[in-house]
C-alpha cells in the first residue's frame, strides 16, 4: 500500500500522538515498522561517557560527519542510578531533530559490572517493588509527542550486566517458575513481560519494544543461555536486536579481531530462529581503531546491503570512545581516522541504507502504514505495493487531527 506523506512539520514544537487529556485507549498502537525494502541507518551518535548526554549539537555533528546523512533512531542509555524516571527532555530533543528516540532501560544503580549490584534484580521487579515508578514512567512515555523505542535488558545473555541471566539464577531451575526452564532466563523473560504489561495497563500506544542479545553469550554455547530462553514472545516484542563487535580494546586487537561476517554468519541462524516474523536490527556494532578498520567497516556494510542477512532491517553503529581500566583508550568512533570515516561514508551511499522511517498503525506491525509529522515518509520501492490502475488509489492512513493537538 502507498504510505502517505503528511504535509506537516515539527515547527517549534513536536507533535503529540496523545494529548494529555485525551482518552488514550481509543488510539491504535503506533510502531516503527521495518522498511519495505532496504535497511534503516541509525546510531549511538556519541552521547557521552554515561551514554545519555543527548543534545541537538551531538546529533547534528554526527550527521555532518556523514555528509548530512541522518539517522532513523538515536540510541541512548537510561541509567537508573537515581531511580526510574522517564528521560522526557532527552526524548523530546531527539524528536525535535526528526529522530526516533531509542531508550536503553539500564536497570543498574552504579557502574559496577557483573552481579554485585542487586537493587534492580529481576525478582525485585517481579515482586512489584518498582511498579509505582514503572507506572509513572509509562504514563509519561504515553504523553510524549511522538514515537518512542524502548529495550530492557541490553545484551542479557552476557555476564557483564546485573540483569543478565547469570546474575539472576543462571542455569538452576528449582528456585523459580517451571522446573524445566533455567531460572535466570525465565526470570528475565517474565520481568520484561511485567514491565510491558504495566505500559499496556496505562494505555500507552507509542512505544516500539525491542529485545536485545549479544552475539556471543557468556557463558557461550550453553543451552540454558540460548537467545530464545530470554525472549518474552511475539505478543510482546516488535523488533529483535543483536550486538556484534570485533575488538573493543587495544589489547583485544592482539588476540581476537574477527571480520564482521565471521561473527554474523555464526549468530544469524539462532537470531532468526527466535521468531519467524519479527524484523531484526543490528543494534550495536563496531571495532576500535587499527590499520584494518576501514576495510572492516566497508566489508560490514557490503555484507549487510548484499542481502546476506535478509531479516536484518536496521543497523546502528556504536560511535564512541572510552577509557579502559588498564588506562588504554578504545577509539571506536567512525572518525578515529580519516580513512575509517571515509570508508563508512562511502559504503553508506549504497541504496540499501535509508534514513526515512516507516510507521505502522495496529498491533504487531501489521497495520496500515501511516505518516507521522516530522518524519517524511518514503514511497515504497516495491511495485507490488503501488495501487493498480484499475483500482482506486490507497492513500494510506491519516491520523486524526486531535491526536496531534
Protein backbone atom coordinates (compact mmCIF):
# COMPACT_ATOMS: atom_id res chain seq x y z
CA UNK A 1 0.00 0.00 0.00
CA UNK A 2 1.14 3.57 -0.54
CA UNK A 3 2.45 5.34 2.51
CA UNK A 4 1.11 8.82 2.97
CA UNK A 5 3.30 11.88 3.13
CA UNK A 6 1.75 14.04 5.81
CA UNK A 7 2.17 17.73 4.94
CA UNK A 8 3.17 18.83 8.41
CA UNK A 9 6.47 19.68 10.09
CA UNK A 10 7.65 19.88 13.68
CA UNK A 11 7.89 23.69 13.64
CA UNK A 12 8.98 24.98 17.04
CA UNK A 13 7.43 22.12 18.97
CA UNK A 14 6.98 18.44 18.45
CA UNK A 15 3.64 16.89 17.61
CA UNK A 16 1.56 14.94 20.08
CA UNK A 17 0.37 11.41 19.42
CA UNK A 18 -1.77 11.67 22.51
CA UNK A 19 -2.71 14.91 24.17
CA UNK A 20 -2.51 14.70 27.93
CA UNK A 21 -6.24 14.87 28.45
CA UNK A 22 -7.34 12.56 25.64
CA UNK A 23 -8.65 9.04 26.01
CA UNK A 24 -5.55 7.09 25.02
CA UNK A 25 -7.44 3.81 24.98
CA UNK A 26 -9.11 4.94 21.74
CA UNK A 27 -5.75 5.03 19.95
CA UNK A 28 -4.32 2.09 17.99
CA UNK A 29 -0.62 1.34 18.57
CA UNK A 30 1.92 3.34 16.58
CA UNK A 31 5.06 1.30 15.92
CA UNK A 32 8.27 1.69 13.95
CA UNK A 33 7.78 -0.80 11.13
CA UNK A 34 10.53 -2.40 9.07
CA UNK A 35 11.11 -0.67 5.74
CA UNK A 36 9.51 -2.35 2.69
CA UNK A 37 13.00 -2.53 1.20
CA UNK A 38 16.41 -1.59 2.49
CA UNK A 39 17.96 -1.17 5.93
CA UNK A 40 17.48 1.70 8.37
CA UNK A 41 20.60 3.69 9.19
CA UNK A 42 20.76 4.52 12.92
CA UNK A 43 23.41 5.06 15.58
CA UNK A 44 24.56 5.73 19.07
CA UNK A 45 25.98 9.12 18.00
CA UNK A 46 28.39 9.63 20.92
CA UNK A 47 26.06 10.70 23.71
CA UNK A 48 28.98 10.88 26.13
CA UNK A 49 30.63 8.59 28.70
CA UNK A 50 27.34 7.95 30.52
CA UNK A 51 25.70 7.28 27.13
CA UNK A 52 22.99 9.81 27.94
CA UNK A 53 24.18 13.33 27.03
CA UNK A 54 21.52 13.84 24.37
CA UNK A 55 21.91 17.20 22.64
CA UNK A 56 20.99 18.61 19.27
CA UNK A 57 24.64 19.50 18.72
CA UNK A 58 25.76 15.88 19.06
CA UNK A 59 23.01 14.66 16.74
CA UNK A 60 23.85 17.25 14.11
CA UNK A 61 27.60 16.76 14.49
CA UNK A 62 27.23 13.06 13.71
CA UNK A 63 25.12 13.81 10.64
CA UNK A 64 27.65 16.37 9.45
CA UNK A 65 30.44 13.78 9.61
CA UNK A 66 28.41 11.65 7.19
CA UNK A 67 27.83 14.43 4.67
CA UNK A 68 24.38 15.15 6.03
CA UNK A 69 23.10 11.58 6.24
CA UNK A 70 20.55 11.32 9.04
CA UNK A 71 19.77 8.55 11.48
CA UNK A 72 16.38 6.91 11.93
CA UNK A 73 16.85 6.49 15.67
CA UNK A 74 19.18 7.85 18.31
CA UNK A 75 20.21 5.21 20.81
CA UNK A 76 20.90 6.26 24.42
CA UNK A 77 21.04 4.78 27.91
CA UNK A 78 18.60 5.48 30.72
CA UNK A 79 20.64 4.50 33.78
CA UNK A 80 18.62 4.05 36.97
CA UNK A 81 21.31 5.50 39.22
CA UNK A 82 18.86 7.97 40.75
CA UNK A 83 15.69 5.96 40.32
CA UNK A 84 13.37 5.05 37.47
CA UNK A 85 12.40 8.32 35.78
CA UNK A 86 11.37 8.82 32.18
CA UNK A 87 14.00 10.92 30.30
CA UNK A 88 11.45 13.29 28.82
CA UNK A 89 13.81 16.12 27.86
CA UNK A 90 16.17 13.76 26.04
CA UNK A 91 13.31 12.13 24.18
CA UNK A 92 11.88 15.47 23.11
CA UNK A 93 15.32 16.66 21.97
CA UNK A 94 15.56 13.73 19.58
CA UNK A 95 12.02 14.17 18.32
CA UNK A 96 12.65 17.83 17.61
CA UNK A 97 15.51 16.71 15.35
CA UNK A 98 13.24 14.28 13.49
CA UNK A 99 14.96 11.28 15.10
CA UNK A 100 13.13 8.43 16.83
CA UNK A 101 14.25 8.22 20.49
CA UNK A 102 15.54 4.74 21.38
CA UNK A 103 15.85 4.23 25.15
CA UNK A 104 18.01 1.51 26.69
CA UNK A 105 16.47 0.75 30.09
CA UNK A 106 19.64 0.12 32.13
CA UNK A 107 18.44 -1.36 35.42
CA UNK A 108 21.55 -0.62 37.46
CA UNK A 109 22.30 1.67 40.39
CA UNK A 110 26.03 2.07 39.66
CA UNK A 111 28.69 1.32 37.03
CA UNK A 112 29.93 -1.94 38.57
CA UNK A 113 29.94 -4.81 36.12
CA UNK A 114 28.83 -8.32 37.00
CA UNK A 115 26.40 -9.32 39.72
CA UNK A 116 27.34 -7.06 42.64
CA UNK A 117 24.54 -4.54 42.00
CA UNK A 118 21.40 -6.21 43.35
CA UNK A 119 19.00 -3.28 43.65
CA UNK A 120 17.06 -4.00 40.46
CA UNK A 121 17.33 -7.78 40.44
CA UNK A 122 14.66 -9.50 38.37
CA UNK A 123 12.98 -10.91 41.48
CA UNK A 124 12.58 -7.36 42.82
CA UNK A 125 10.95 -6.25 39.58
CA UNK A 126 8.68 -9.30 39.55
CA UNK A 127 7.64 -8.71 43.16
CA UNK A 128 6.16 -5.34 42.19
CA UNK A 129 8.69 -3.37 44.21
CA UNK A 130 9.07 -0.77 41.45
CA UNK A 131 5.57 -0.86 39.97
CA UNK A 132 4.66 2.67 41.04
CA UNK A 133 7.78 4.02 39.34
CA UNK A 134 7.07 1.97 36.23
CA UNK A 135 3.50 3.27 36.09
CA UNK A 136 4.68 6.87 36.28
CA UNK A 137 7.33 6.12 33.66
CA UNK A 138 4.74 4.57 31.37
CA UNK A 139 2.26 7.43 31.73
CA UNK A 140 4.95 9.98 30.93
CA UNK A 141 6.06 7.95 27.91
CA UNK A 142 2.45 7.83 26.71
CA UNK A 143 2.23 11.61 26.86
CA UNK A 144 5.32 12.05 24.70
CA UNK A 145 4.68 13.90 21.47
CA UNK A 146 5.92 11.21 19.10
CA UNK A 147 7.01 7.58 18.75
CA UNK A 148 9.48 6.01 21.18
CA UNK A 149 11.53 2.80 21.08
CA UNK A 150 12.46 1.00 24.30
CA UNK A 151 14.58 -2.02 25.14
CA UNK A 152 15.01 -3.67 28.52
CA UNK A 153 17.92 -5.97 29.32
CA UNK A 154 20.67 -4.94 26.90
CA UNK A 155 22.84 -7.96 25.99
CA UNK A 156 21.04 -10.04 28.60
CA UNK A 157 22.82 -13.28 27.64
CA UNK A 158 26.18 -11.84 28.69
CA UNK A 159 27.62 -11.79 32.21
CA UNK A 160 28.62 -8.14 32.50
CA UNK A 161 25.29 -6.52 33.42
CA UNK A 162 23.32 -7.14 36.66
CA UNK A 163 20.14 -8.05 34.74
CA UNK A 164 21.87 -10.94 32.97
CA UNK A 165 20.69 -14.50 33.32
CA UNK A 166 23.93 -15.36 35.09
CA UNK A 167 23.14 -12.85 37.85
CA UNK A 168 19.52 -13.86 38.33
CA UNK A 169 19.59 -17.60 38.84
CA UNK A 170 21.67 -18.81 35.93
CA UNK A 171 21.16 -22.42 34.93
CA UNK A 172 19.41 -23.53 38.13
CA UNK A 173 15.77 -24.48 37.63
CA UNK A 174 14.39 -25.12 41.11
CA UNK A 175 14.01 -21.64 42.63
CA UNK A 176 11.56 -20.01 40.23
CA UNK A 177 8.82 -20.91 37.78
CA UNK A 178 8.98 -24.02 35.65
CA UNK A 179 11.34 -26.80 36.81
CA UNK A 180 12.20 -27.43 33.17
CA UNK A 181 13.45 -23.88 32.50
CA UNK A 182 16.61 -22.17 33.71
CA UNK A 183 15.73 -19.63 36.39
CA UNK A 184 17.95 -16.81 35.09
CA UNK A 185 16.42 -16.51 31.61
CA UNK A 186 12.91 -17.31 32.88
CA UNK A 187 13.05 -14.54 35.48
CA UNK A 188 14.24 -12.05 32.87
CA UNK A 189 11.55 -13.09 30.39
CA UNK A 190 8.82 -12.63 32.97
CA UNK A 191 10.27 -9.34 34.27
CA UNK A 192 10.26 -7.88 30.75
CA UNK A 193 6.67 -9.05 30.26
CA UNK A 194 5.78 -7.46 33.60
CA UNK A 195 7.13 -4.08 32.50
CA UNK A 196 5.31 -4.20 29.16
CA UNK A 197 2.09 -5.26 30.88
CA UNK A 198 2.30 -2.13 33.04
CA UNK A 199 2.63 0.04 29.94
CA UNK A 200 -0.39 -1.70 28.43
CA UNK A 201 -2.41 -1.21 31.60
CA UNK A 202 -1.62 2.51 31.34
CA UNK A 203 -2.88 2.57 27.72
CA UNK A 204 0.49 3.56 26.25
CA UNK A 205 0.40 3.26 22.46
CA UNK A 206 3.50 4.95 21.11
CA UNK A 207 6.23 2.51 22.24
CA UNK A 208 8.02 0.02 19.98
CA UNK A 209 9.51 -2.77 22.13
CA UNK A 210 12.90 -4.30 21.34
CA UNK A 211 14.62 -7.49 22.58
CA UNK A 212 18.44 -7.27 22.63
CA UNK A 213 21.01 -10.07 22.92
CA UNK A 214 24.76 -10.16 22.47
CA UNK A 215 26.09 -12.12 19.51
CA UNK A 216 28.15 -14.38 21.74
CA UNK A 217 26.74 -15.17 25.15
CA UNK A 218 28.69 -15.62 28.35
CA UNK A 219 28.72 -18.48 29.02
CA UNK A 220 28.87 -19.35 25.33
CA UNK A 221 27.30 -22.42 23.72
CA UNK A 222 25.38 -23.50 26.82
CA UNK A 223 21.79 -24.41 26.02
CA UNK A 224 20.30 -22.71 29.07
CA UNK A 225 21.76 -19.37 27.86
CA UNK A 226 20.23 -19.54 24.37
CA UNK A 227 18.68 -16.37 22.93
CA UNK A 228 15.23 -17.92 22.84
CA UNK A 229 15.27 -18.70 26.56
CA UNK A 230 15.04 -14.97 27.32
CA UNK A 231 12.53 -13.99 24.65
CA UNK A 232 9.26 -12.53 26.03
CA UNK A 233 7.37 -13.64 22.92
CA UNK A 234 5.98 -12.23 19.69
CA UNK A 235 2.96 -10.85 21.55
CA UNK A 236 5.30 -8.56 23.50
CA UNK A 237 8.22 -7.74 21.22
CA UNK A 238 8.27 -5.75 17.96
CA UNK A 239 11.95 -5.98 16.96
CA UNK A 240 14.76 -8.42 17.76
CA UNK A 241 18.25 -6.95 18.07
CA UNK A 242 21.85 -8.04 18.47
CA UNK A 243 25.29 -6.61 19.27
CA UNK A 244 28.14 -7.73 17.01
CA UNK A 245 31.59 -6.34 17.75
CA UNK A 246 35.13 -7.08 16.72
CA UNK A 247 37.96 -5.94 19.04
CA UNK A 248 36.70 -3.42 21.60
CA UNK A 249 40.04 -2.63 23.24
CA UNK A 250 43.64 -2.26 22.01
CA UNK A 251 44.50 -5.42 23.95
CA UNK A 252 41.82 -7.43 22.15
CA UNK A 253 43.33 -6.46 18.81
CA UNK A 254 46.22 -8.79 19.63
CA UNK A 255 44.07 -11.82 20.37
CA UNK A 256 40.58 -11.52 18.86
CA UNK A 257 39.54 -9.30 15.99
CA UNK A 258 37.16 -11.19 13.69
CA UNK A 259 35.67 -9.91 10.48
CA UNK A 260 32.06 -8.79 10.75
CA UNK A 261 30.94 -11.69 8.56
CA UNK A 262 32.74 -14.21 10.75
CA UNK A 263 30.59 -13.30 13.74
CA UNK A 264 27.33 -12.54 11.97
CA UNK A 265 27.39 -15.77 9.96
CA UNK A 266 27.80 -17.60 13.25
CA UNK A 267 24.97 -15.92 15.18
CA UNK A 268 22.41 -15.10 12.47
CA UNK A 269 20.72 -18.53 12.29
CA UNK A 270 19.98 -18.59 16.03
CA UNK A 271 18.89 -14.97 15.91
CA UNK A 272 16.45 -15.60 13.05
CA UNK A 273 15.09 -18.67 14.82
CA UNK A 274 13.84 -16.64 17.80
CA UNK A 275 10.83 -15.57 15.74
CA UNK A 276 9.83 -16.34 12.18
CA UNK A 277 8.31 -12.92 11.56
CA UNK A 278 9.92 -10.20 13.66
CA UNK A 279 12.38 -7.81 11.97
CA UNK A 280 15.98 -7.96 13.16
CA UNK A 281 18.17 -4.96 13.97
CA UNK A 282 21.93 -4.81 14.28
CA UNK A 283 21.63 -2.64 17.38
CA UNK A 284 25.33 -2.26 18.10
CA UNK A 285 28.42 -2.95 16.04
CA UNK A 286 31.90 -1.55 15.74
CA UNK A 287 35.64 -2.02 16.06
CA UNK A 288 38.41 0.05 17.62
CA UNK A 289 40.95 1.94 15.56
CA UNK A 290 43.61 -0.12 13.80
CA UNK A 291 45.02 -0.34 10.29
CA UNK A 292 42.29 -2.72 9.15
CA UNK A 293 39.33 -0.70 10.44
CA UNK A 294 38.44 0.97 7.10
CA UNK A 295 38.20 -2.41 5.39
CA UNK A 296 36.27 -3.90 8.33
CA UNK A 297 33.66 -1.15 8.04
CA UNK A 298 33.49 -1.41 4.27
CA UNK A 299 33.04 -5.19 4.39
CA UNK A 300 30.39 -4.99 7.13
CA UNK A 301 28.17 -2.58 5.21
CA UNK A 302 28.69 -4.50 1.98
CA UNK A 303 27.62 -7.75 3.65
CA UNK A 304 24.55 -6.06 5.12
CA UNK A 305 23.49 -4.46 1.84
CA UNK A 306 24.04 -7.64 -0.18
CA UNK A 307 21.05 -9.44 1.31
CA UNK A 308 23.27 -11.98 3.02
CA UNK A 309 21.15 -11.48 6.16
CA UNK A 310 17.67 -10.82 4.73
CA UNK A 311 15.89 -10.39 8.08
CA UNK A 312 18.14 -7.51 9.14
CA UNK A 313 16.17 -4.31 8.61
CA UNK A 314 18.21 -1.80 10.62
CA UNK A 315 21.80 -1.14 11.66
CA UNK A 316 23.11 1.13 14.41
CA UNK A 317 26.82 1.88 14.79
CA UNK A 318 28.29 2.46 18.28
CA UNK A 319 30.08 5.77 17.67
CA UNK A 320 32.02 6.23 20.89
CA UNK A 321 35.46 6.44 22.50
CA UNK A 322 36.18 5.47 26.11
CA UNK A 323 38.95 4.81 28.62
CA UNK A 324 39.55 1.25 29.86
CA UNK A 325 40.52 0.07 33.31
CA UNK A 326 44.12 -0.54 32.25
CA UNK A 327 44.45 3.08 31.13
CA UNK A 328 44.23 2.32 27.42
CA UNK A 329 41.73 4.12 25.25
CA UNK A 330 39.24 2.48 22.92
CA UNK A 331 38.71 4.57 19.81
CA UNK A 332 35.60 3.13 18.19
CA UNK A 333 34.21 6.35 16.75
CA UNK A 334 33.84 6.40 12.99
CA UNK A 335 36.22 9.34 12.80
CA UNK A 336 39.01 7.54 14.67
CA UNK A 337 40.91 8.07 11.42
CA UNK A 338 40.20 9.85 8.17
CA UNK A 339 40.37 6.55 6.33
CA UNK A 340 37.83 4.88 8.63
CA UNK A 341 35.36 7.74 8.30
CA UNK A 342 35.78 7.82 4.53
CA UNK A 343 35.22 4.07 4.27
CA UNK A 344 31.98 4.18 6.26
CA UNK A 345 30.77 7.29 4.49
CA UNK A 346 31.39 5.77 1.07
CA UNK A 347 29.78 2.44 1.98
CA UNK A 348 26.74 4.27 3.34
CA UNK A 349 25.99 5.66 -0.13
CA UNK A 350 24.69 2.24 -1.18
CA UNK A 351 20.98 2.49 -1.90
CA UNK A 352 20.16 -0.21 0.67
CA UNK A 353 20.72 2.20 3.56
CA UNK A 354 17.79 4.50 4.22
CA UNK A 355 17.08 7.28 6.70
CA UNK A 356 13.32 7.73 6.42
CA UNK A 357 11.30 5.69 8.93
CA UNK A 358 8.06 3.88 8.25
CA UNK A 359 5.41 3.64 10.95
CA UNK A 360 2.54 1.19 11.29
CA UNK A 361 -0.80 1.64 12.97
CA UNK A 362 -2.04 -1.53 14.56
CA UNK A 363 -0.67 -4.40 16.66
CA UNK A 364 2.39 -6.45 15.73
CA UNK A 365 3.47 -4.03 12.96
CA UNK A 366 0.70 -5.49 10.83
CA UNK A 367 -1.48 -2.42 10.49
CA UNK A 368 -1.66 0.15 7.72
CA UNK A 369 1.36 2.36 7.22
CA UNK A 370 0.89 5.90 8.43
CA UNK A 371 2.61 9.23 8.17
CA UNK A 372 3.76 10.95 11.34
CA UNK A 373 4.51 14.67 11.29
CA UNK A 374 8.22 15.37 11.42
CA UNK A 375 9.18 12.10 9.75
CA UNK A 376 8.91 12.35 5.98
CA UNK A 377 7.54 9.12 4.59
CA UNK A 378 9.26 7.31 1.74
CA UNK A 379 7.26 5.96 -1.14
CA UNK A 380 7.55 2.16 -1.49
CA UNK A 381 10.07 0.79 -3.94
CA UNK A 382 8.21 -2.48 -4.37
CA UNK A 383 5.91 -2.10 -7.42
CA UNK A 384 3.50 -4.63 -5.94
CA UNK A 385 2.68 -2.03 -3.29
CA UNK A 386 1.56 0.52 -5.86
CA UNK A 387 -2.16 0.85 -6.43
CA UNK A 388 -3.49 -0.82 -9.56
CA UNK A 389 -4.63 1.46 -12.36
CA UNK A 390 -7.97 -0.33 -12.25
CA UNK A 391 -8.44 0.29 -8.54
CA UNK A 392 -8.84 3.47 -6.53
CA UNK A 393 -5.56 4.61 -5.02
CA UNK A 394 -4.93 3.61 -1.42
CA UNK A 395 -3.87 6.88 0.15
CA UNK A 396 -2.76 5.29 3.39
CA UNK A 397 -3.99 6.47 6.74
CA UNK A 398 -4.26 10.00 8.04
CA UNK A 399 -4.10 10.11 11.81
CA UNK A 400 -6.97 12.12 13.31
CA UNK A 401 -6.01 15.75 13.85
CA UNK A 402 -6.96 15.61 17.52
CA UNK A 403 -4.14 13.13 18.14
CA UNK A 404 -1.67 15.87 17.28
CA UNK A 405 -3.16 18.72 19.29
